Amino acid sequence: MPPALPLCCALLSSACAPAAAPEIRLLPLRLPDALLVCAAAPALPAAEWLTQGQAAELLLAYDAAHADCAWRLAAVRRLNAADGAQR
């Protein structure tokens, strides 16, 4: 048997060996803190005349917008806190 034949067989058999499984790492999502702050409610319009009904509707719209923002930000804060607890 030629001396190169065992070496050749060893090299060819190692090429058929299964490769190691790739490592899968999940990276946590972390939102920037700048997205966790609501902007201040806009100032009331400087209209000359507003009826009481118009003023009430405007105030309710501002309050609803703030409540929606506060609810969403509270949910994001809970997600960030849960993410930090897993580390």
PDB file of N, CA and C in Angstrom:
ATOM      1  N   MET A   1       0.848  -1.168   0.000  1.00  0.00           N
ATOM      2  CA  MET A   1       0.000   0.000   0.000  1.00  0.00           C
ATOM      3  C   MET A   1       0.899   1.238   0.000  1.00  0.00           C
ATOM      4  N   PRO A   2       0.646   2.175  -0.896  1.00  0.00           N
ATOM      5  CA  PRO A   2       1.470   3.383  -0.928  1.00  0.00           C
ATOM      6  C   PRO A   2       1.262   4.198   0.351  1.00  0.00           C
ATOM      7  N   PRO A   3       2.312   4.887   0.830  1.00  0.00           N
ATOM      8  CA  PRO A   3       2.193   5.626   2.099  1.00  0.00           C
ATOM      9  C   PRO A   3       1.207   6.795   2.021  1.00  0.00           C
ATOM     10  N   ALA A   4       0.918   7.309   0.884  1.00  0.00           N
ATOM     11  CA  ALA A   4       0.009   8.450   0.776  1.00  0.00           C
ATOM     12  C   ALA A   4      -1.449   8.038   0.876  1.00  0.00           C
ATOM     13  N   LEU A   5      -1.740   6.757   0.636  1.00  0.00           N
ATOM     14  CA  LEU A   5      -3.133   6.302   0.648  1.00  0.00           C
ATOM     15  C   LEU A   5      -3.780   6.447   2.032  1.00  0.00           C
ATOM     16  N   PRO A   6      -3.163   6.042   3.152  1.00  0.00           N
ATOM     17  CA  PRO A   6      -3.817   6.239   4.457  1.00  0.00           C
ATOM     18  C   PRO A   6      -4.028   7.715   4.774  1.00  0.00           C
ATOM     19  N   LEU A   7      -3.061   8.544   4.400  1.00  0.00           N
ATOM     20  CA  LEU A   7      -3.212   9.981   4.637  1.00  0.00           C
ATOM     21  C   LEU A   7      -4.371  10.528   3.833  1.00  0.00           C
ATOM     22  N   CYS A   8      -4.491  10.124   2.595  1.00  0.00           N
ATOM     23  CA  CYS A   8      -5.575  10.581   1.731  1.00  0.00           C
ATOM     24  C   CYS A   8      -6.921  10.115   2.282  1.00  0.00           C
ATOM     25  N   CYS A   9      -6.997   8.888   2.742  1.00  0.00           N
ATOM     26  CA  CYS A   9      -8.246   8.364   3.317  1.00  0.00           C
ATOM     27  C   CYS A   9      -8.626   9.124   4.583  1.00  0.00           C
ATOM     28  N   ALA A  10      -7.650   9.459   5.409  1.00  0.00           N
ATOM     29  CA  ALA A  10      -7.928  10.201   6.644  1.00  0.00           C
ATOM     30  C   ALA A  10      -8.469  11.587   6.321  1.00  0.00           C
ATOM     31  N   LEU A  11      -7.896  12.257   5.348  1.00  0.00           N
ATOM     32  CA  LEU A  11      -8.369  13.586   4.973  1.00  0.00           C
ATOM     33  C   LEU A  11      -9.769  13.532   4.386  1.00  0.00           C
ATOM     34  N   LEU A  12     -10.036  12.551   3.553  1.00  0.00           N
ATOM     35  CA  LEU A  12     -11.358  12.446   2.943  1.00  0.00           C
ATOM     36  C   LEU A  12     -12.428  12.070   3.957  1.00  0.00           C
ATOM     37  N   SER A  13     -12.114  11.239   4.926  1.00  0.00           N
ATOM     38  CA  SER A  13     -13.119  10.850   5.912  1.00  0.00           C
ATOM     39  C   SER A  13     -13.452  12.011   6.854  1.00  0.00           C
ATOM     40  N   SER A  14     -12.511  12.891   7.116  1.00  0.00           N
ATOM     41  CA  SER A  14     -12.804  14.029   7.996  1.00  0.00           C
ATOM     42  C   SER A  14     -13.681  15.053   7.295  1.00  0.00           C
ATOM     43  N   ALA A  15     -13.684  15.072   5.975  1.00  0.00           N
ATOM     44  CA  ALA A  15     -14.538  16.008   5.251  1.00  0.00           C
ATOM     45  C   ALA A  15     -16.005  15.630   5.375  1.00  0.00           C
ATOM     46  N   CYS A  16     -16.285  14.393   5.662  1.00  0.00           N
ATOM     47  CA  CYS A  16     -17.664  13.922   5.791  1.00  0.00           C
ATOM     48  C   CYS A  16     -18.200  14.055   7.215  1.00  0.00           C
ATOM     49  N   ALA A  17     -17.383  14.475   8.133  1.00  0.00           N
ATOM     50  CA  ALA A  17     -17.816  14.598   9.523  1.00  0.00           C
ATOM     51  C   ALA A  17     -18.878  15.692   9.630  1.00  0.00           C
ATOM     52  N   PRO A  18     -19.897  15.488  10.473  1.00  0.00           N
ATOM     53  CA  PRO A  18     -20.934  16.514  10.616  1.00  0.00           C
ATOM     54  C   PRO A  18     -20.352  17.762  11.272  1.00  0.00           C
ATOM     55  N   ALA A  19     -20.807  18.889  10.788  1.00  0.00           N
ATOM     56  CA  ALA A  19     -20.360  20.160  11.353  1.00  0.00           C
ATOM     57  C   ALA A  19     -21.073  20.401  12.679  1.00  0.00           C
ATOM     58  N   ALA A  20     -20.443  21.132  13.553  1.00  0.00           N
ATOM     59  CA  ALA A  20     -21.057  21.468  14.841  1.00  0.00           C
ATOM     60  C   ALA A  20     -22.258  22.381  14.591  1.00  0.00           C
ATOM     61  N   ALA A  21     -23.296  22.211  15.379  1.00  0.00           N
ATOM     62  CA  ALA A  21     -24.495  23.033  15.240  1.00  0.00           C
ATOM     63  C   ALA A  21     -24.146  24.484  15.563  1.00  0.00           C
ATOM     64  N   PRO A  22     -24.672  25.438  14.788  1.00  0.00           N
ATOM     65  CA  PRO A  22     -24.372  26.841  15.068  1.00  0.00           C
ATOM     66  C   PRO A  22     -25.033  27.276  16.380  1.00  0.00           C
ATOM     67  N   GLU A  23     -24.387  28.160  17.073  1.00  0.00           N
ATOM     68  CA  GLU A  23     -24.937  28.682  18.324  1.00  0.00           C
ATOM     69  C   GLU A  23     -25.963  29.759  17.999  1.00  0.00           C
ATOM     70  N   ILE A  24     -27.127  29.671  18.595  1.00  0.00           N
ATOM     71  CA  ILE A  24     -28.183  30.655  18.380  1.00  0.00           C
ATOM     72  C   ILE A  24     -28.320  31.469  19.650  1.00  0.00           C
ATOM     73  N   ARG A  25     -28.149  32.766  19.508  1.00  0.00           N
ATOM     74  CA  ARG A  25     -28.289  33.666  20.657  1.00  0.00           C
ATOM     75  C   ARG A  25     -29.386  34.660  20.359  1.00  0.00           C
ATOM     76  N   LEU A  26     -30.310  34.816  21.289  1.00  0.00           N
ATOM     77  CA  LEU A  26     -31.371  35.803  21.156  1.00  0.00           C
ATOM     78  C   LEU A  26     -30.950  37.061  21.902  1.00  0.00           C
ATOM     79  N   LEU A  27     -31.007  38.171  21.218  1.00  0.00           N
ATOM     80  CA  LEU A  27     -30.647  39.436  21.837  1.00  0.00           C
ATOM     81  C   LEU A  27     -31.912  40.141  22.292  1.00  0.00           C
ATOM     82  N   PRO A  28     -31.959  40.616  23.522  1.00  0.00           N
ATOM     83  CA  PRO A  28     -33.169  41.281  24.013  1.00  0.00           C
ATOM     84  C   PRO A  28     -33.361  42.636  23.345  1.00  0.00           C
ATOM     85  N   LEU A  29     -34.614  43.001  23.201  1.00  0.00           N
ATOM     86  CA  LEU A  29     -34.961  44.301  22.643  1.00  0.00           C
ATOM     87  C   LEU A  29     -34.959  45.324  23.765  1.00  0.00           C
ATOM     88  N   ARG A  30     -34.228  46.369  23.587  1.00  0.00           N
ATOM     89  CA  ARG A  30     -34.183  47.445  24.576  1.00  0.00           C
ATOM     90  C   ARG A  30     -34.528  48.741  23.865  1.00  0.00           C
ATOM     91  N   LEU A  31     -35.608  49.363  24.291  1.00  0.00           N
ATOM     92  CA  LEU A  31     -36.036  50.607  23.672  1.00  0.00           C
ATOM     93  C   LEU A  31     -35.290  51.774  24.298  1.00  0.00           C
ATOM     94  N   PRO A  32     -34.996  52.794  23.513  1.00  0.00           N
ATOM     95  CA  PRO A  32     -34.306  53.959  24.068  1.00  0.00           C
ATOM     96  C   PRO A  32     -35.176  54.683  25.094  1.00  0.00           C
ATOM     97  N   ASP A  33     -34.546  55.181  26.133  1.00  0.00           N
ATOM     98  CA  ASP A  33     -35.284  55.875  27.188  1.00  0.00           C
ATOM     99  C   ASP A  33     -35.975  57.140  26.675  1.00  0.00           C
ATOM    100  N   ALA A  34     -35.465  57.729  25.600  1.00  0.00           N
ATOM    101  CA  ALA A  34     -36.089  58.937  25.055  1.00  0.00           C
ATOM    102  C   ALA A  34     -37.498  58.659  24.540  1.00  0.00           C
ATOM    103  N   LEU A  35     -37.796  57.407  24.211  1.00  0.00           N
ATOM    104  CA  LEU A  35     -39.138  57.061  23.741  1.00  0.00           C
ATOM    105  C   LEU A  35     -40.100  56.802  24.881  1.00  0.00           C
ATOM    106  N   LEU A  36     -39.636  56.889  26.104  1.00  0.00           N
ATOM    107  CA  LEU A  36     -40.469  56.580  27.256  1.00  0.00           C
ATOM    108  C   LEU A  36     -41.048  57.808  27.929  1.00  0.00           C
ATOM    109  N   VAL A  37     -41.007  58.921  27.261  1.00  0.00           N
ATOM    110  CA  VAL A  37     -41.490  60.168  27.856  1.00  0.00           C
ATOM    111  C   VAL A  37     -42.526  60.787  26.925  1.00  0.00           C
ATOM    112  N   CYS A  38     -43.676  61.138  27.496  1.00  0.00           N
ATOM    113  CA  CYS A  38     -44.708  61.814  26.701  1.00  0.00           C
ATOM    114  C   CYS A  38     -44.370  63.290  26.557  1.00  0.00           C
ATOM    115  N   ALA A  39     -44.710  63.816  25.432  1.00  0.00           N
ATOM    116  CA  ALA A  39     -44.576  65.260  25.245  1.00  0.00           C
ATOM    117  C   ALA A  39     -45.662  65.957  26.064  1.00  0.00           C
ATOM    118  N   ALA A  40     -45.394  67.175  26.431  1.00  0.00           N
ATOM    119  CA  ALA A  40     -46.394  67.944  27.179  1.00  0.00           C
ATOM    120  C   ALA A  40     -47.604  68.189  26.287  1.00  0.00           C
ATOM    121  N   ALA A  41     -48.762  68.270  26.914  1.00  0.00           N
ATOM    122  CA  ALA A  41     -49.984  68.552  26.160  1.00  0.00           C
ATOM    123  C   ALA A  41     -49.853  69.908  25.486  1.00  0.00           C
ATOM    124  N   PRO A  42     -50.289  70.009  24.252  1.00  0.00           N
ATOM    125  CA  PRO A  42     -50.184  71.300  23.569  1.00  0.00           C
ATOM    126  C   PRO A  42     -51.041  72.362  24.250  1.00  0.00           C
ATOM    127  N   ALA A  43     -50.631  73.592  24.073  1.00  0.00           N
ATOM    128  CA  ALA A  43     -51.373  74.716  24.664  1.00  0.00           C
ATOM    129  C   ALA A  43     -52.721  74.857  23.977  1.00  0.00           C
ATOM    130  N   LEU A  44     -53.652  75.387  24.713  1.00  0.00           N
ATOM    131  CA  LEU A  44     -54.977  75.620  24.138  1.00  0.00           C
ATOM    132  C   LEU A  44     -54.868  76.654  23.023  1.00  0.00           C
ATOM    133  N   PRO A  45     -55.675  76.501  21.974  1.00  0.00           N
ATOM    134  CA  PRO A  45     -55.602  77.469  20.878  1.00  0.00           C
ATOM    135  C   PRO A  45     -56.027  78.860  21.345  1.00  0.00           C
ATOM    136  N   ALA A  46     -55.398  79.836  20.768  1.00  0.00           N
ATOM    137  CA  ALA A  46     -55.704  81.223  21.133  1.00  0.00           C
ATOM    138  C   ALA A  46     -56.838  81.743  20.266  1.00  0.00           C
ATOM    139  N   ALA A  47     -57.993  81.099  20.379  1.00  0.00           N
ATOM    140  CA  ALA A  47     -59.165  81.541  19.616  1.00  0.00           C
ATOM    141  C   ALA A  47     -59.837  82.682  20.371  1.00  0.00           C
ATOM    142  N   GLU A  48     -60.465  83.555  19.599  1.00  0.00           N
ATOM    143  CA  GLU A  48     -61.120  84.690  20.243  1.00  0.00           C
ATOM    144  C   GLU A  48     -62.319  84.220  21.062  1.00  0.00           C
ATOM    145  N   TRP A  49     -63.094  83.291  20.486  1.00  0.00           N
ATOM    146  CA  TRP A  49     -64.279  82.810  21.183  1.00  0.00           C
ATOM    147  C   TRP A  49     -64.359  81.293  21.094  1.00  0.00           C
ATOM    148  N   LEU A  50     -64.554  80.672  22.226  1.00  0.00           N
ATOM    149  CA  LEU A  50     -64.859  79.250  22.288  1.00  0.00           C
ATOM    150  C   LEU A  50     -66.101  79.072  23.136  1.00  0.00           C
ATOM    151  N   THR A  51     -67.009  78.280  22.650  1.00  0.00           N
ATOM    152  CA  THR A  51     -68.181  77.986  23.477  1.00  0.00           C
ATOM    153  C   THR A  51     -67.763  77.013  24.572  1.00  0.00           C
ATOM    154  N   GLN A  52     -68.617  76.885  25.561  1.00  0.00           N
ATOM    155  CA  GLN A  52     -68.308  75.939  26.629  1.00  0.00           C
ATOM    156  C   GLN A  52     -68.238  74.512  26.089  1.00  0.00           C
ATOM    157  N   GLY A  53     -69.081  74.187  25.134  1.00  0.00           N
ATOM    158  CA  GLY A  53     -69.065  72.855  24.532  1.00  0.00           C
ATOM    159  C   GLY A  53     -67.770  72.607  23.766  1.00  0.00           C
ATOM    160  N   GLN A  54     -67.309  73.618  22.996  1.00  0.00           N
ATOM    161  CA  GLN A  54     -66.051  73.474  22.253  1.00  0.00           C
ATOM    162  C   GLN A  54     -64.867  73.324  23.201  1.00  0.00           C
ATOM    163  N   ALA A  55     -64.887  74.113  24.261  1.00  0.00           N
ATOM    164  CA  ALA A  55     -63.798  74.033  25.236  1.00  0.00           C
ATOM    165  C   ALA A  55     -63.796  72.661  25.920  1.00  0.00           C
ATOM    166  N   ALA A  56     -64.977  72.167  26.268  1.00  0.00           N
ATOM    167  CA  ALA A  56     -65.063  70.856  26.915  1.00  0.00           C
ATOM    168  C   ALA A  56     -64.572  69.750  25.979  1.00  0.00           C
ATOM    169  N   GLU A  57     -64.983  69.814  24.699  1.00  0.00           N
ATOM    170  CA  GLU A  57     -64.533  68.804  23.732  1.00  0.00           C
ATOM    171  C   GLU A  57     -63.017  68.866  23.547  1.00  0.00           C
ATOM    172  N   LEU A  58     -62.479  70.068  23.508  1.00  0.00           N
ATOM    173  CA  LEU A  58     -61.033  70.226  23.347  1.00  0.00           C
ATOM    174  C   LEU A  58     -60.286  69.653  24.553  1.00  0.00           C
ATOM    175  N   LEU A  59     -60.763  69.941  25.745  1.00  0.00           N
ATOM    176  CA  LEU A  59     -60.115  69.420  26.943  1.00  0.00           C
ATOM    177  C   LEU A  59     -60.227  67.898  27.022  1.00  0.00           C
ATOM    178  N   LEU A  60     -61.362  67.353  26.630  1.00  0.00           N
ATOM    179  CA  LEU A  60     -61.507  65.898  26.624  1.00  0.00           C
ATOM    180  C   LEU A  60     -60.565  65.250  25.603  1.00  0.00           C
ATOM    181  N   ALA A  61     -60.373  65.899  24.456  1.00  0.00           N
ATOM    182  CA  ALA A  61     -59.466  65.360  23.438  1.00  0.00           C
ATOM    183  C   ALA A  61     -58.027  65.377  23.949  1.00  0.00           C
ATOM    184  N   TYR A  62     -57.624  66.448  24.601  1.00  0.00           N
ATOM    185  CA  TYR A  62     -56.271  66.511  25.167  1.00  0.00           C
ATOM    186  C   TYR A  62     -56.087  65.450  26.253  1.00  0.00           C
ATOM    187  N   ASP A  63     -57.106  65.290  27.097  1.00  0.00           N
ATOM    188  CA  ASP A  63     -57.014  64.298  28.168  1.00  0.00           C
ATOM    189  C   ASP A  63     -56.945  62.877  27.600  1.00  0.00           C
ATOM    190  N   ALA A  64     -57.724  62.602  26.567  1.00  0.00           N
ATOM    191  CA  ALA A  64     -57.702  61.272  25.950  1.00  0.00           C
ATOM    192  C   ALA A  64     -56.347  60.992  25.307  1.00  0.00           C
ATOM    193  N   ALA A  65     -55.771  62.003  24.654  1.00  0.00           N
ATOM    194  CA  ALA A  65     -54.465  61.817  24.019  1.00  0.00           C
ATOM    195  C   ALA A  65     -53.396  61.535  25.083  1.00  0.00           C
ATOM    196  N   HIS A  66     -53.453  62.248  26.174  1.00  0.00           N
ATOM    197  CA  HIS A  66     -52.467  62.026  27.238  1.00  0.00           C
ATOM    198  C   HIS A  66     -52.649  60.646  27.880  1.00  0.00           C
ATOM    199  N   ALA A  67     -53.904  60.262  28.125  1.00  0.00           N
ATOM    200  CA  ALA A  67     -54.159  58.954  28.737  1.00  0.00           C
ATOM    201  C   ALA A  67     -53.670  57.829  27.831  1.00  0.00           C
ATOM    202  N   ASP A  68     -53.864  57.972  26.509  1.00  0.00           N
ATOM    203  CA  ASP A  68     -53.394  56.960  25.570  1.00  0.00           C
ATOM    204  C   ASP A  68     -51.879  56.871  25.601  1.00  0.00           C
ATOM    205  N   CYS A  69     -51.222  58.011  25.604  1.00  0.00           N
ATOM    206  CA  CYS A  69     -49.752  58.031  25.641  1.00  0.00           C
ATOM    207  C   CYS A  69     -49.246  57.422  26.937  1.00  0.00           C
ATOM    208  N   ALA A  70     -49.859  57.786  28.049  1.00  0.00           N
ATOM    209  CA  ALA A  70     -49.420  57.263  29.342  1.00  0.00           C
ATOM    210  C   ALA A  70     -49.626  55.757  29.417  1.00  0.00           C
ATOM    211  N   TRP A  71     -50.732  55.243  28.864  1.00  0.00           N
ATOM    212  CA  TRP A  71     -50.992  53.805  28.882  1.00  0.00           C
ATOM    213  C   TRP A  71     -49.948  53.070  28.048  1.00  0.00           C
ATOM    214  N   ARG A  72     -49.655  53.579  26.854  1.00  0.00           N
ATOM    215  CA  ARG A  72     -48.674  52.930  25.983  1.00  0.00           C
ATOM    216  C   ARG A  72     -47.285  52.936  26.626  1.00  0.00           C
ATOM    217  N   LEU A  73     -46.905  54.047  27.202  1.00  0.00           N
ATOM    218  CA  LEU A  73     -45.588  54.123  27.824  1.00  0.00           C
ATOM    219  C   LEU A  73     -45.488  53.214  29.041  1.00  0.00           C
ATOM    220  N   ALA A  74     -46.560  53.057  29.779  1.00  0.00           N
ATOM    221  CA  ALA A  74     -46.535  52.135  30.918  1.00  0.00           C
ATOM    222  C   ALA A  74     -46.318  50.706  30.430  1.00  0.00           C
ATOM    223  N   ALA A  75     -46.935  50.350  29.305  1.00  0.00           N
ATOM    224  CA  ALA A  75     -46.745  49.006  28.750  1.00  0.00           C
ATOM    225  C   ALA A  75     -45.304  48.810  28.297  1.00  0.00           C
ATOM    226  N   VAL A  76     -44.708  49.823  27.681  1.00  0.00           N
ATOM    227  CA  VAL A  76     -43.316  49.724  27.229  1.00  0.00           C
ATOM    228  C   VAL A  76     -42.388  49.618  28.437  1.00  0.00           C
ATOM    229  N   ARG A  77     -42.673  50.378  29.481  1.00  0.00           N
ATOM    230  CA  ARG A  77     -41.837  50.297  30.683  1.00  0.00           C
ATOM    231  C   ARG A  77     -41.901  48.900  31.300  1.00  0.00           C
ATOM    232  N   ARG A  78     -43.097  48.288  31.299  1.00  0.00           N
ATOM    233  CA  ARG A  78     -43.222  46.922  31.825  1.00  0.00           C
ATOM    234  C   ARG A  78     -42.404  45.954  30.978  1.00  0.00           C
ATOM    235  N   LEU A  79     -42.410  46.127  29.664  1.00  0.00           N
ATOM    236  CA  LEU A  79     -41.606  45.268  28.791  1.00  0.00           C
ATOM    237  C   LEU A  79     -40.122  45.441  29.075  1.00  0.00           C
ATOM    238  N   ASN A  80     -39.680  46.675  29.208  1.00  0.00           N
ATOM    239  CA  ASN A  80     -38.265  46.929  29.495  1.00  0.00           C
ATOM    240  C   ASN A  80     -37.877  46.363  30.854  1.00  0.00           C
ATOM    241  N   ALA A  81     -38.750  46.485  31.840  1.00  0.00           N
ATOM    242  CA  ALA A  81     -38.444  45.961  33.176  1.00  0.00           C
ATOM    243  C   ALA A  81     -38.376  44.438  33.127  1.00  0.00           C
ATOM    244  N   ALA A  82     -39.277  43.802  32.399  1.00  0.00           N
ATOM    245  CA  ALA A  82     -39.255  42.342  32.281  1.00  0.00           C
ATOM    246  C   ALA A  82     -38.004  41.893  31.560  1.00  0.00           C
ATOM    247  N   ASP A  83     -37.574  42.653  30.555  1.00  0.00           N
ATOM    248  CA  ASP A  83     -36.368  42.312  29.814  1.00  0.00           C
ATOM    249  C   ASP A  83     -35.146  42.421  30.710  1.00  0.00           C
ATOM    250  N   GLY A  84     -35.096  43.441  31.544  1.00  0.00           N
ATOM    251  CA  GLY A  84     -33.955  43.616  32.432  1.00  0.00           C
ATOM    252  C   GLY A  84     -33.884  42.538  33.497  1.00  0.00           C
ATOM    253  N   ALA A  85     -35.036  41.988  33.893  1.00  0.00           N
ATOM    254  CA  ALA A  85     -35.060  40.933  34.918  1.00  0.00           C
ATOM    255  C   ALA A  85     -34.514  39.619  34.376  1.00  0.00           C
ATOM    256  N   GLN A  86     -34.558  39.421  33.045  1.00  0.00           N
ATOM    257  CA  GLN A  86     -34.109  38.175  32.458  1.00  0.00           C
ATOM    258  C   GLN A  86     -32.590  38.122  32.293  1.00  0.00           C
ATOM    259  N   ARG A  87     -31.939  39.224  32.409  1.00  0.00           N
ATOM    260  CA  ARG A  87     -30.487  39.271  32.192  1.00  0.00           C
ATOM    261  C   ARG A  87     -29.732  38.695  33.328  1.00  0.00           C
TER     262      ARG A  87
END
